[in-house]
Amino acid sequence: MNLGFVGLGRMGANMVKRLMRDGHQCTGFDLNQDNVKKLTQAGAAGAGSYEELVKKLAKPRAVWVMVPAGKPTEDSIHTIAAGMEPGDMIIDGGNTCYKDDIRRAAELKPRGIHYVDAGTSGGVWGLERGYCLMVGASDEAFAHLEPIFKTLSPGPGDIPKTPGRENFQSTAENGYLHCGPPGAGHFVKMVHNGIEYGVMQAYAEGFDLMVHRDSDQLQENERFTLNVRDIAELWRRGSVIGSWLLDLTAMALAENDTLSNFTGFVQDSGEGRWTIEAALDEAVAVEVLASALFTRFRSRREHTFAEKVLSAMRSKFGGHVELPSGG
């Protein structure tokens, strides 16, 4: 199908390539026209402005916005919507707060424009692995856009059915899901990222504990010099704590087992904060998730091996560039 795409950075460009590979027609726009040029060389159509992008699309138009949350997303959606007509659709695939999705959907509804939020997980590896998509939309908009979600998602692959789900039919097994009305997709993605913080923190603290087992503060017969590079690899094979995050940790340690290429300055995307705010609204205890978020705050003042592990994982799954310690 025909799709406009705004934001051709690390993830956006790969998403367009994956869509084109499956036969979808994509028209891309980015404030950095060099990014547009690269995509046109790969076979996409290009646009020099938001307005041109909208005009080039077949009706009903659909535009996927993949730019930083906050003002960049707000401005992009406002400008795109100005050129749209009833039946057209705007998909926000960035890390937007679900409350903004609910507001935008309500603002666009009187004009007949469908607003869709698509929580997108997959990072810089998504071109080949696919993207896990958590979608908030009306039934009508989801049905129209489903071919897009199906292409971007990983598909069932070689993952066996979960025991007990033999009689269930759901797109979840393909890696995408209509979670509910606008806002629901980014709410689920927000919780996903909150959990991500907690899981990453558990790995980071465990490796920190092992790295310091040879401390001279311990009795000599209780000191071990542990090969964390090999332990990470060991745990990937048959362990109950195996995961993609562990795979990425093992990769980072294989490259540099002291992680000296990282300072341990760990940024947060904002979704961890929103997760804690939601927990406060619902009076739900999320001790692990809150602790993981606060550790990231502390990492900007002092650094441990655990925080270097966190930086390494973020770099590997999302291509996140570590900021200088003073940043």
C-alpha atoms as a PDB file:
ATOM      1  CA  MET A   1       0.000   0.000   0.000  1.00  0.00           C
ATOM      2  CA  ASN A   2       0.935   3.680  -0.228  1.00  0.00           C
ATOM      3  CA  LEU A   3       2.493   5.303   2.857  1.00  0.00           C
ATOM      4  CA  GLY A   4       4.113   8.610   3.691  1.00  0.00           C
ATOM      5  CA  PHE A   5       6.957   8.507   6.190  1.00  0.00           C
ATOM      6  CA  VAL A   6       8.343  11.417   8.215  1.00  0.00           C
ATOM      7  CA  GLY A   7      11.643  10.982  10.046  1.00  0.00           C
ATOM      8  CA  LEU A   8      14.310   9.039   8.185  1.00  0.00           C
ATOM      9  CA  GLY A   9      16.841   8.602  10.966  1.00  0.00           C
ATOM     10  CA  ARG A  10      18.245   5.332  12.351  1.00  0.00           C
ATOM     11  CA  MET A  11      14.925   3.553  12.777  1.00  0.00           C
ATOM     12  CA  GLY A  12      12.821   5.417  10.241  1.00  0.00           C
ATOM     13  CA  ALA A  13      15.062   4.687   7.260  1.00  0.00           C
ATOM     14  CA  ASN A  14      15.201   0.990   8.104  1.00  0.00           C
ATOM     15  CA  MET A  15      11.422   0.838   8.478  1.00  0.00           C
ATOM     16  CA  VAL A  16      10.981   2.358   5.024  1.00  0.00           C
ATOM     17  CA  LYS A  17      13.442  -0.140   3.558  1.00  0.00           C
ATOM     18  CA  ARG A  18      11.594  -3.050   5.165  1.00  0.00           C
ATOM     19  CA  LEU A  19       8.274  -1.767   3.804  1.00  0.00           C
ATOM     20  CA  MET A  20       9.625  -1.305   0.280  1.00  0.00           C
ATOM     21  CA  ARG A  21      11.171  -4.754   0.360  1.00  0.00           C
ATOM     22  CA  ASP A  22       7.658  -6.140   0.782  1.00  0.00           C
ATOM     23  CA  GLY A  23       6.244  -4.105  -2.091  1.00  0.00           C
ATOM     24  CA  HIS A  24       4.799  -1.065  -0.300  1.00  0.00           C
ATOM     25  CA  GLN A  25       5.156   2.320  -1.982  1.00  0.00           C
ATOM     26  CA  CYS A  26       6.777   4.846   0.363  1.00  0.00           C
ATOM     27  CA  THR A  27       7.265   8.595   0.119  1.00  0.00           C
ATOM     28  CA  GLY A  28       9.694   9.988   2.654  1.00  0.00           C
ATOM     29  CA  PHE A  29      10.372  13.378   4.187  1.00  0.00           C
ATOM     30  CA  ASP A  30      12.996  14.513   6.670  1.00  0.00           C
ATOM     31  CA  LEU A  31      14.160  17.964   7.689  1.00  0.00           C
ATOM     32  CA  ASN A  32      17.600  16.684   6.737  1.00  0.00           C
ATOM     33  CA  GLN A  33      17.257  16.377   2.968  1.00  0.00           C
ATOM     34  CA  ASP A  34      20.383  14.216   2.806  1.00  0.00           C
ATOM     35  CA  ASN A  35      18.346  11.490   4.503  1.00  0.00           C
ATOM     36  CA  VAL A  36      15.641  11.882   1.863  1.00  0.00           C
ATOM     37  CA  LYS A  37      18.216  11.611  -0.899  1.00  0.00           C
ATOM     38  CA  LYS A  38      19.585   8.361   0.540  1.00  0.00           C
ATOM     39  CA  LEU A  39      16.106   6.825   0.590  1.00  0.00           C
ATOM     40  CA  THR A  40      15.266   7.933  -2.937  1.00  0.00           C
ATOM     41  CA  GLN A  41      18.467   6.246  -4.087  1.00  0.00           C
ATOM     42  CA  ALA A  42      17.133   3.088  -2.424  1.00  0.00           C
ATOM     43  CA  GLY A  43      13.865   3.330  -4.379  1.00  0.00           C
ATOM     44  CA  ALA A  44      11.554   5.473  -2.255  1.00  0.00           C
ATOM     45  CA  ALA A  45       9.860   8.639  -3.486  1.00  0.00           C
ATOM     46  CA  GLY A  46      10.997  11.826  -1.767  1.00  0.00           C
ATOM     47  CA  ALA A  47       9.362  15.056  -0.669  1.00  0.00           C
ATOM     48  CA  GLY A  48      10.855  18.450   0.075  1.00  0.00           C
ATOM     49  CA  SER A  49       8.228  19.504   2.621  1.00  0.00           C
ATOM     50  CA  TYR A  50       5.352  18.199   4.723  1.00  0.00           C
ATOM     51  CA  GLU A  51       2.909  19.765   2.301  1.00  0.00           C
ATOM     52  CA  GLU A  52       4.500  18.098  -0.715  1.00  0.00           C
ATOM     53  CA  LEU A  53       4.498  14.766   1.081  1.00  0.00           C
ATOM     54  CA  VAL A  54       0.747  14.897   1.741  1.00  0.00           C
ATOM     55  CA  LYS A  55      -0.026  15.940  -1.829  1.00  0.00           C
ATOM     56  CA  LYS A  56       1.935  13.024  -3.266  1.00  0.00           C
ATOM     57  CA  LEU A  57      -0.050  10.370  -1.390  1.00  0.00           C
ATOM     58  CA  ALA A  58      -3.037   8.411  -2.689  1.00  0.00           C
ATOM     59  CA  LYS A  59      -6.313   8.710  -0.777  1.00  0.00           C
ATOM     60  CA  PRO A  60      -7.029   7.765   1.900  1.00  0.00           C
ATOM     61  CA  ARG A  61      -3.652   9.142   2.881  1.00  0.00           C
ATOM     62  CA  ALA A  62      -1.574   7.577   5.635  1.00  0.00           C
ATOM     63  CA  VAL A  63       1.540   9.178   7.117  1.00  0.00           C
ATOM     64  CA  TRP A  64       3.810   7.513   9.672  1.00  0.00           C
ATOM     65  CA  VAL A  65       5.662   9.992  11.918  1.00  0.00           C
ATOM     66  CA  MET A  66       8.944   8.764  13.416  1.00  0.00           C
ATOM     67  CA  VAL A  67      10.555  11.788  15.057  1.00  0.00           C
ATOM     68  CA  PRO A  68      11.533  12.607  18.662  1.00  0.00           C
ATOM     69  CA  ALA A  69       8.651  12.873  21.130  1.00  0.00           C
ATOM     70  CA  GLY A  70       7.462  16.275  22.287  1.00  0.00           C
ATOM     71  CA  LYS A  71       7.559  19.405  20.147  1.00  0.00           C
ATOM     72  CA  PRO A  72       9.062  17.752  17.012  1.00  0.00           C
ATOM     73  CA  THR A  73       6.212  15.221  16.923  1.00  0.00           C
ATOM     74  CA  GLU A  74       3.592  17.815  17.847  1.00  0.00           C
ATOM     75  CA  ASP A  75       4.709  20.203  15.103  1.00  0.00           C
ATOM     76  CA  SER A  76       4.947  17.433  12.509  1.00  0.00           C
ATOM     77  CA  ILE A  77       1.461  16.100  13.202  1.00  0.00           C
ATOM     78  CA  HIS A  78      -0.066  19.587  13.246  1.00  0.00           C
ATOM     79  CA  THR A  79       1.490  20.454   9.872  1.00  0.00           C
ATOM     80  CA  ILE A  80       0.585  17.131   8.254  1.00  0.00           C
ATOM     81  CA  ALA A  81      -2.999  17.275   9.504  1.00  0.00           C
ATOM     82  CA  ALA A  82      -3.464  20.743   7.987  1.00  0.00           C
ATOM     83  CA  GLY A  83      -3.316  19.198   4.497  1.00  0.00           C
ATOM     84  CA  MET A  84      -5.433  16.142   5.225  1.00  0.00           C
ATOM     85  CA  GLU A  85      -9.079  15.274   4.578  1.00  0.00           C
ATOM     86  CA  PRO A  86     -11.674  13.043   6.261  1.00  0.00           C
ATOM     87  CA  GLY A  87     -10.606   9.397   6.152  1.00  0.00           C
ATOM     88  CA  ASP A  88      -6.879  10.171   6.185  1.00  0.00           C
ATOM     89  CA  MET A  89      -4.636   8.696   8.890  1.00  0.00           C
ATOM     90  CA  ILE A  90      -1.636   9.822  10.942  1.00  0.00           C
ATOM     91  CA  ILE A  91       0.451   7.185  12.740  1.00  0.00           C
ATOM     92  CA  ASP A  92       2.808   8.246  15.518  1.00  0.00           C
ATOM     93  CA  GLY A  93       5.464   5.563  15.926  1.00  0.00           C
ATOM     94  CA  GLY A  94       7.748   7.479  18.286  1.00  0.00           C
ATOM     95  CA  ASN A  95       8.036   7.376  22.067  1.00  0.00           C
ATOM     96  CA  THR A  96       5.044   9.593  22.767  1.00  0.00           C
ATOM     97  CA  CYS A  97       3.222   9.835  26.087  1.00  0.00           C
ATOM     98  CA  TYR A  98      -0.147   8.078  25.772  1.00  0.00           C
ATOM     99  CA  LYS A  99      -1.933  11.121  27.222  1.00  0.00           C
ATOM    100  CA  ASP A 100      -0.781  13.172  24.229  1.00  0.00           C
ATOM    101  CA  ASP A 101      -2.169  10.462  21.929  1.00  0.00           C
ATOM    102  CA  ILE A 102      -5.585  10.664  23.578  1.00  0.00           C
ATOM    103  CA  ARG A 103      -5.584  14.458  23.234  1.00  0.00           C
ATOM    104  CA  ARG A 104      -4.489  14.435  19.586  1.00  0.00           C
ATOM    105  CA  ALA A 105      -7.033  11.784  18.630  1.00  0.00           C
ATOM    106  CA  ALA A 106      -9.795  13.905  20.172  1.00  0.00           C
ATOM    107  CA  GLU A 107      -8.563  17.019  18.336  1.00  0.00           C
ATOM    108  CA  LEU A 108      -8.454  15.298  14.947  1.00  0.00           C
ATOM    109  CA  LYS A 109     -11.677  13.302  15.262  1.00  0.00           C
ATOM    110  CA  PRO A 110     -14.048  16.214  14.401  1.00  0.00           C
ATOM    111  CA  ARG A 111     -12.180  16.583  11.110  1.00  0.00           C
ATOM    112  CA  GLY A 112     -12.566  12.883  10.324  1.00  0.00           C
ATOM    113  CA  ILE A 113      -8.803  12.255  10.543  1.00  0.00           C
ATOM    114  CA  HIS A 114      -7.802   8.997  12.215  1.00  0.00           C
ATOM    115  CA  TYR A 115      -4.998   9.193  14.760  1.00  0.00           C
ATOM    116  CA  VAL A 116      -3.056   5.990  15.404  1.00  0.00           C
ATOM    117  CA  ASP A 117      -0.316   5.411  17.961  1.00  0.00           C
ATOM    118  CA  ALA A 118       2.143   2.593  17.311  1.00  0.00           C
ATOM    119  CA  GLY A 119       4.532   1.729  20.112  1.00  0.00           C
ATOM    120  CA  THR A 120       7.563   0.423  18.218  1.00  0.00           C
ATOM    121  CA  SER A 121      10.245  -1.835  19.676  1.00  0.00           C
ATOM    122  CA  GLY A 122      13.135  -3.225  17.692  1.00  0.00           C
ATOM    123  CA  GLY A 123      15.746  -0.489  17.580  1.00  0.00           C
ATOM    124  CA  VAL A 124      18.416  -0.436  14.921  1.00  0.00           C
ATOM    125  CA  TRP A 125      18.059  -4.195  14.376  1.00  0.00           C
ATOM    126  CA  GLY A 126      14.494  -3.959  13.112  1.00  0.00           C
ATOM    127  CA  LEU A 127      15.290  -4.014   9.390  1.00  0.00           C
ATOM    128  CA  GLU A 128      16.145  -7.695   9.596  1.00  0.00           C
ATOM    129  CA  ARG A 129      14.512  -8.777  12.870  1.00  0.00           C
ATOM    130  CA  GLY A 130      11.275  -6.853  12.437  1.00  0.00           C
ATOM    131  CA  TYR A 131       9.538  -4.548  14.910  1.00  0.00           C
ATOM    132  CA  CYS A 132       7.240  -5.451  17.764  1.00  0.00           C
ATOM    133  CA  LEU A 133       4.258  -3.115  17.310  1.00  0.00           C
ATOM    134  CA  MET A 134       1.754  -2.112  19.994  1.00  0.00           C
ATOM    135  CA  VAL A 135      -1.067  -0.244  18.248  1.00  0.00           C
ATOM    136  CA  GLY A 136      -3.776   2.087  19.520  1.00  0.00           C
ATOM    137  CA  ALA A 137      -6.402   2.868  16.883  1.00  0.00           C
ATOM    138  CA  SER A 138     -10.020   2.720  15.844  1.00  0.00           C
ATOM    139  CA  ASP A 139     -11.082  -0.604  14.346  1.00  0.00           C
ATOM    140  CA  GLU A 140     -11.455   1.052  10.936  1.00  0.00           C
ATOM    141  CA  ALA A 141      -7.971   2.589  10.913  1.00  0.00           C
ATOM    142  CA  PHE A 142      -6.324  -0.573  12.199  1.00  0.00           C
ATOM    143  CA  ALA A 143      -7.966  -2.700   9.512  1.00  0.00           C
ATOM    144  CA  HIS A 144      -6.819  -0.348   6.764  1.00  0.00           C
ATOM    145  CA  LEU A 145      -3.242  -0.141   8.055  1.00  0.00           C
ATOM    146  CA  GLU A 146      -2.829  -3.793   9.013  1.00  0.00           C
ATOM    147  CA  PRO A 147      -0.774  -4.649   5.892  1.00  0.00           C
ATOM    148  CA  ILE A 148       1.788  -2.091   7.066  1.00  0.00           C
ATOM    149  CA  PHE A 149       1.920  -3.557  10.569  1.00  0.00           C
ATOM    150  CA  LYS A 150       2.184  -7.061   9.194  1.00  0.00           C
ATOM    151  CA  THR A 151       5.180  -6.147   7.034  1.00  0.00           C
ATOM    152  CA  LEU A 152       7.005  -4.297   9.789  1.00  0.00           C
ATOM    153  CA  SER A 153       6.444  -7.020  12.393  1.00  0.00           C
ATOM    154  CA  PRO A 154       8.773 -10.033  12.767  1.00  0.00           C
ATOM    155  CA  GLY A 155       6.126 -12.633  11.892  1.00  0.00           C
ATOM    156  CA  PRO A 156       5.911 -15.956  13.761  1.00  0.00           C
ATOM    157  CA  GLY A 157       9.382 -17.049  12.685  1.00  0.00           C
ATOM    158  CA  ASP A 158      10.573 -20.266  14.277  1.00  0.00           C
ATOM    159  CA  ILE A 159       9.210 -19.447  17.733  1.00  0.00           C
ATOM    160  CA  PRO A 160       6.910 -22.294  18.809  1.00  0.00           C
ATOM    161  CA  LYS A 161       3.386 -21.585  20.000  1.00  0.00           C
ATOM    162  CA  THR A 162       3.117 -20.945  23.711  1.00  0.00           C
ATOM    163  CA  PRO A 163       1.696 -24.057  25.410  1.00  0.00           C
ATOM    164  CA  GLY A 164      -1.954 -23.396  26.198  1.00  0.00           C
ATOM    165  CA  ARG A 165      -2.451 -20.986  23.275  1.00  0.00           C
ATOM    166  CA  GLU A 166      -3.152 -23.664  20.662  1.00  0.00           C
ATOM    167  CA  ASN A 167      -6.770 -22.545  20.287  1.00  0.00           C
ATOM    168  CA  PHE A 168      -6.126 -18.806  20.393  1.00  0.00           C
ATOM    169  CA  GLN A 169      -6.011 -16.729  17.217  1.00  0.00           C
ATOM    170  CA  SER A 170      -4.176 -13.422  17.592  1.00  0.00           C
ATOM    171  CA  THR A 171      -1.863 -11.196  15.587  1.00  0.00           C
ATOM    172  CA  ALA A 172       0.316 -11.120  18.712  1.00  0.00           C
ATOM    173  CA  GLU A 173       2.028 -14.261  17.422  1.00  0.00           C
ATOM    174  CA  ASN A 174       3.146 -12.241  14.391  1.00  0.00           C
ATOM    175  CA  GLY A 175       4.574  -9.461  16.559  1.00  0.00           C
ATOM    176  CA  TYR A 176       1.858  -6.812  16.272  1.00  0.00           C
ATOM    177  CA  LEU A 177      -1.342  -6.214  18.224  1.00  0.00           C
ATOM    178  CA  HIS A 178      -4.324  -3.860  18.220  1.00  0.00           C
ATOM    179  CA  CYS A 179      -4.140  -3.023  21.926  1.00  0.00           C
ATOM    180  CA  GLY A 180      -7.164  -0.722  22.076  1.00  0.00           C
ATOM    181  CA  PRO A 181      -8.247   2.824  21.126  1.00  0.00           C
ATOM    182  CA  PRO A 182      -5.795   5.677  20.516  1.00  0.00           C
ATOM    183  CA  GLY A 183      -3.405   5.917  23.453  1.00  0.00           C
ATOM    184  CA  ALA A 184      -3.497   2.215  24.278  1.00  0.00           C
ATOM    185  CA  GLY A 185      -0.549   1.370  22.040  1.00  0.00           C
ATOM    186  CA  HIS A 186       1.833   3.849  23.591  1.00  0.00           C
ATOM    187  CA  PHE A 187       0.578   2.977  27.072  1.00  0.00           C
ATOM    188  CA  VAL A 188       1.584  -0.656  26.505  1.00  0.00           C
ATOM    189  CA  LYS A 189       4.904   0.467  25.004  1.00  0.00           C
ATOM    190  CA  MET A 190       5.479   2.710  28.018  1.00  0.00           C
ATOM    191  CA  VAL A 191       5.063  -0.230  30.390  1.00  0.00           C
ATOM    192  CA  HIS A 192       7.266  -2.316  28.069  1.00  0.00           C
ATOM    193  CA  ASN A 193      10.043   0.260  28.444  1.00  0.00           C
ATOM    194  CA  GLY A 194       9.557   0.442  32.202  1.00  0.00           C
ATOM    195  CA  ILE A 195      10.054  -3.329  32.368  1.00  0.00           C
ATOM    196  CA  GLU A 196      13.044  -2.978  30.053  1.00  0.00           C
ATOM    197  CA  TYR A 197      14.646  -0.630  32.590  1.00  0.00           C
ATOM    198  CA  GLY A 198      14.129  -3.179  35.362  1.00  0.00           C
ATOM    199  CA  VAL A 199      15.462  -6.169  33.408  1.00  0.00           C
ATOM    200  CA  MET A 200      18.494  -4.212  32.257  1.00  0.00           C
ATOM    201  CA  GLN A 201      19.165  -3.100  35.807  1.00  0.00           C
ATOM    202  CA  ALA A 202      19.034  -6.692  37.093  1.00  0.00           C
ATOM    203  CA  TYR A 203      21.630  -7.806  34.548  1.00  0.00           C
ATOM    204  CA  ALA A 204      23.780  -4.749  35.226  1.00  0.00           C
ATOM    205  CA  GLU A 205      23.837  -5.284  38.989  1.00  0.00           C
ATOM    206  CA  GLY A 206      24.596  -8.985  38.589  1.00  0.00           C
ATOM    207  CA  PHE A 207      27.592  -8.352  36.350  1.00  0.00           C
ATOM    208  CA  ASP A 208      28.786  -5.608  38.694  1.00  0.00           C
ATOM    209  CA  LEU A 209      28.690  -8.096  41.568  1.00  0.00           C
ATOM    210  CA  MET A 210      30.782 -10.599  39.618  1.00  0.00           C
ATOM    211  CA  VAL A 211      33.339  -8.038  38.413  1.00  0.00           C
ATOM    212  CA  HIS A 212      34.067  -7.022  42.006  1.00  0.00           C
ATOM    213  CA  ARG A 213      34.368 -10.546  43.395  1.00  0.00           C
ATOM    214  CA  ASP A 214      38.163 -10.212  43.399  1.00  0.00           C
ATOM    215  CA  SER A 215      38.039  -7.183  45.713  1.00  0.00           C
ATOM    216  CA  ASP A 216      40.824  -6.956  48.286  1.00  0.00           C
ATOM    217  CA  GLN A 217      38.125  -6.144  50.840  1.00  0.00           C
ATOM    218  CA  LEU A 218      37.134  -9.823  50.803  1.00  0.00           C
ATOM    219  CA  GLN A 219      38.915 -12.659  52.537  1.00  0.00           C
ATOM    220  CA  GLU A 220      41.479 -14.080  50.148  1.00  0.00           C
ATOM    221  CA  ASN A 221      39.888 -17.529  49.967  1.00  0.00           C
ATOM    222  CA  GLU A 222      36.548 -15.932  49.001  1.00  0.00           C
ATOM    223  CA  ARG A 223      37.936 -13.962  46.071  1.00  0.00           C
ATOM    224  CA  PHE A 224      37.258 -15.112  42.520  1.00  0.00           C
ATOM    225  CA  THR A 225      38.483 -13.630  39.278  1.00  0.00           C
ATOM    226  CA  LEU A 226      35.438 -14.267  37.111  1.00  0.00           C
ATOM    227  CA  ASN A 227      35.414 -14.143  33.322  1.00  0.00           C
ATOM    228  CA  VAL A 228      32.230 -12.127  32.763  1.00  0.00           C
ATOM    229  CA  ARG A 229      32.701 -12.339  28.986  1.00  0.00           C
ATOM    230  CA  ASP A 230      32.344 -16.128  29.118  1.00  0.00           C
ATOM    231  CA  ILE A 231      29.671 -16.088  31.824  1.00  0.00           C
ATOM    232  CA  ALA A 232      27.451 -13.904  29.624  1.00  0.00           C
ATOM    233  CA  GLU A 233      27.913 -16.390  26.807  1.00  0.00           C
ATOM    234  CA  LEU A 234      27.270 -19.311  29.146  1.00  0.00           C
ATOM    235  CA  TRP A 235      23.963 -17.862  30.339  1.00  0.00           C
ATOM    236  CA  ARG A 236      22.767 -17.503  26.740  1.00  0.00           C
ATOM    237  CA  ARG A 237      22.698 -21.292  26.446  1.00  0.00           C
ATOM    238  CA  GLY A 238      20.017 -23.107  28.394  1.00  0.00           C
ATOM    239  CA  SER A 239      19.757 -20.624  31.272  1.00  0.00           C
ATOM    240  CA  VAL A 240      16.346 -19.470  32.526  1.00  0.00           C
ATOM    241  CA  ILE A 241      17.556 -15.844  32.353  1.00  0.00           C
ATOM    242  CA  GLY A 242      18.405 -15.923  28.659  1.00  0.00           C
ATOM    243  CA  SER A 243      17.062 -12.996  26.596  1.00  0.00           C
ATOM    244  CA  TRP A 244      17.912 -10.681  23.723  1.00  0.00           C
ATOM    245  CA  LEU A 245      19.232  -8.149  26.238  1.00  0.00           C
ATOM    246  CA  LEU A 246      21.623 -10.820  27.494  1.00  0.00           C
ATOM    247  CA  ASP A 247      22.628 -11.549  23.879  1.00  0.00           C
ATOM    248  CA  LEU A 248      23.500  -7.884  23.439  1.00  0.00           C
ATOM    249  CA  THR A 249      25.396  -7.795  26.732  1.00  0.00           C
ATOM    250  CA  ALA A 250      27.444 -10.812  25.645  1.00  0.00           C
ATOM    251  CA  MET A 251      28.179  -9.045  22.346  1.00  0.00           C
ATOM    252  CA  ALA A 252      29.374  -5.888  24.116  1.00  0.00           C
ATOM    253  CA  LEU A 253      31.589  -7.882  26.514  1.00  0.00           C
ATOM    254  CA  ALA A 254      33.052  -9.850  23.615  1.00  0.00           C
ATOM    255  CA  GLU A 255      34.132  -6.555  22.093  1.00  0.00           C
ATOM    256  CA  ASN A 256      35.550  -5.146  25.350  1.00  0.00           C
ATOM    257  CA  ASP A 257      35.210  -7.092  28.592  1.00  0.00           C
ATOM    258  CA  THR A 258      36.032  -4.051  30.762  1.00  0.00           C
ATOM    259  CA  LEU A 259      33.550  -1.832  28.867  1.00  0.00           C
ATOM    260  CA  SER A 260      36.159   0.897  29.061  1.00  0.00           C
ATOM    261  CA  ASN A 261      34.585   2.437  25.962  1.00  0.00           C
ATOM    262  CA  PHE A 262      31.617   3.476  28.142  1.00  0.00           C
ATOM    263  CA  THR A 263      31.599   5.921  31.054  1.00  0.00           C
ATOM    264  CA  GLY A 264      28.368   4.637  32.570  1.00  0.00           C
ATOM    265  CA  PHE A 265      26.334   7.799  31.888  1.00  0.00           C
ATOM    266  CA  VAL A 266      22.861   6.324  31.312  1.00  0.00           C
ATOM    267  CA  GLN A 267      20.111   8.411  29.709  1.00  0.00           C
ATOM    268  CA  ASP A 268      16.367   7.721  29.939  1.00  0.00           C
ATOM    269  CA  SER A 269      13.868   8.165  27.126  1.00  0.00           C
ATOM    270  CA  GLY A 270      11.051   9.530  29.303  1.00  0.00           C
ATOM    271  CA  GLU A 271       8.883   6.428  29.170  1.00  0.00           C
ATOM    272  CA  GLY A 272      10.353   5.136  32.421  1.00  0.00           C
ATOM    273  CA  ARG A 273       9.194   8.320  34.128  1.00  0.00           C
ATOM    274  CA  TRP A 274       5.716   8.040  32.615  1.00  0.00           C
ATOM    275  CA  THR A 275       5.516   4.438  33.828  1.00  0.00           C
ATOM    276  CA  ILE A 276       6.140   5.575  37.405  1.00  0.00           C
ATOM    277  CA  GLU A 277       3.562   8.362  37.012  1.00  0.00           C
ATOM    278  CA  ALA A 278       1.002   5.795  35.809  1.00  0.00           C
ATOM    279  CA  ALA A 279       1.821   3.599  38.803  1.00  0.00           C
ATOM    280  CA  LEU A 280       1.160   6.551  41.112  1.00  0.00           C
ATOM    281  CA  ASP A 281      -2.162   7.239  39.357  1.00  0.00           C
ATOM    282  CA  GLU A 282      -3.196   3.586  39.765  1.00  0.00           C
ATOM    283  CA  ALA A 283      -1.666   3.068  43.231  1.00  0.00           C
ATOM    284  CA  VAL A 284       0.289   0.083  41.891  1.00  0.00           C
ATOM    285  CA  ALA A 285       3.621  -0.808  43.510  1.00  0.00           C
ATOM    286  CA  VAL A 286       6.503  -0.876  40.988  1.00  0.00           C
ATOM    287  CA  GLU A 287       9.541  -0.928  43.260  1.00  0.00           C
ATOM    288  CA  VAL A 288      11.920  -2.532  40.734  1.00  0.00           C
ATOM    289  CA  LEU A 289      10.936  -0.214  37.885  1.00  0.00           C
ATOM    290  CA  ALA A 290      11.234   2.888  40.083  1.00  0.00           C
ATOM    291  CA  SER A 291      14.611   1.806  41.414  1.00  0.00           C
ATOM    292  CA  ALA A 292      15.901   1.198  37.890  1.00  0.00           C
ATOM    293  CA  LEU A 293      14.826   4.692  36.815  1.00  0.00           C
ATOM    294  CA  PHE A 294      16.437   6.323  39.843  1.00  0.00           C
ATOM    295  CA  THR A 295      19.664   4.438  39.182  1.00  0.00           C
ATOM    296  CA  ARG A 296      19.816   6.079  35.764  1.00  0.00           C
ATOM    297  CA  PHE A 297      19.496   9.465  37.439  1.00  0.00           C
ATOM    298  CA  ARG A 298      22.340   8.606  39.810  1.00  0.00           C
ATOM    299  CA  SER A 299      24.518   7.334  36.944  1.00  0.00           C
ATOM    300  CA  ARG A 300      24.958  10.888  35.744  1.00  0.00           C
ATOM    301  CA  ARG A 301      26.921  11.721  38.877  1.00  0.00           C
ATOM    302  CA  GLU A 302      28.991   8.593  39.607  1.00  0.00           C
ATOM    303  CA  HIS A 303      29.665   5.513  37.517  1.00  0.00           C
ATOM    304  CA  THR A 304      29.905   1.802  38.269  1.00  0.00           C
ATOM    305  CA  PHE A 305      30.491  -1.210  36.056  1.00  0.00           C
ATOM    306  CA  ALA A 306      26.729  -1.839  36.268  1.00  0.00           C
ATOM    307  CA  GLU A 307      26.077   1.467  34.569  1.00  0.00           C
ATOM    308  CA  LYS A 308      28.609   0.679  31.845  1.00  0.00           C
ATOM    309  CA  VAL A 309      26.652  -2.533  31.212  1.00  0.00           C
ATOM    310  CA  LEU A 310      23.454  -0.471  30.899  1.00  0.00           C
ATOM    311  CA  SER A 311      25.142   1.921  28.449  1.00  0.00           C
ATOM    312  CA  ALA A 312      26.454  -1.012  26.421  1.00  0.00           C
ATOM    313  CA  MET A 313      23.005  -2.623  26.159  1.00  0.00           C
ATOM    314  CA  ARG A 314      21.359   0.651  25.078  1.00  0.00           C
ATOM    315  CA  SER A 315      24.039   1.139  22.444  1.00  0.00           C
ATOM    316  CA  LYS A 316      23.566  -2.369  21.096  1.00  0.00           C
ATOM    317  CA  PHE A 317      19.763  -2.551  20.847  1.00  0.00           C
ATOM    318  CA  GLY A 318      18.972   1.026  19.957  1.00  0.00           C
ATOM    319  CA  GLY A 319      22.157   2.622  18.686  1.00  0.00           C
ATOM    320  CA  HIS A 320      21.876   5.119  21.555  1.00  0.00           C
ATOM    321  CA  VAL A 321      24.975   7.308  21.776  1.00  0.00           C
ATOM    322  CA  GLU A 322      26.276   7.776  25.297  1.00  0.00           C
ATOM    323  CA  LEU A 323      26.452  11.416  26.342  1.00  0.00           C
ATOM    324  CA  PRO A 324      29.613  12.830  27.936  1.00  0.00           C
ATOM    325  CA  SER A 325      29.652  12.604  31.731  1.00  0.00           C
ATOM    326  CA  GLY A 326      29.150  16.339  32.000  1.00  0.00           C
ATOM    327  CA  GLY A 327      26.113  16.193  29.672  1.00  0.00           C
END
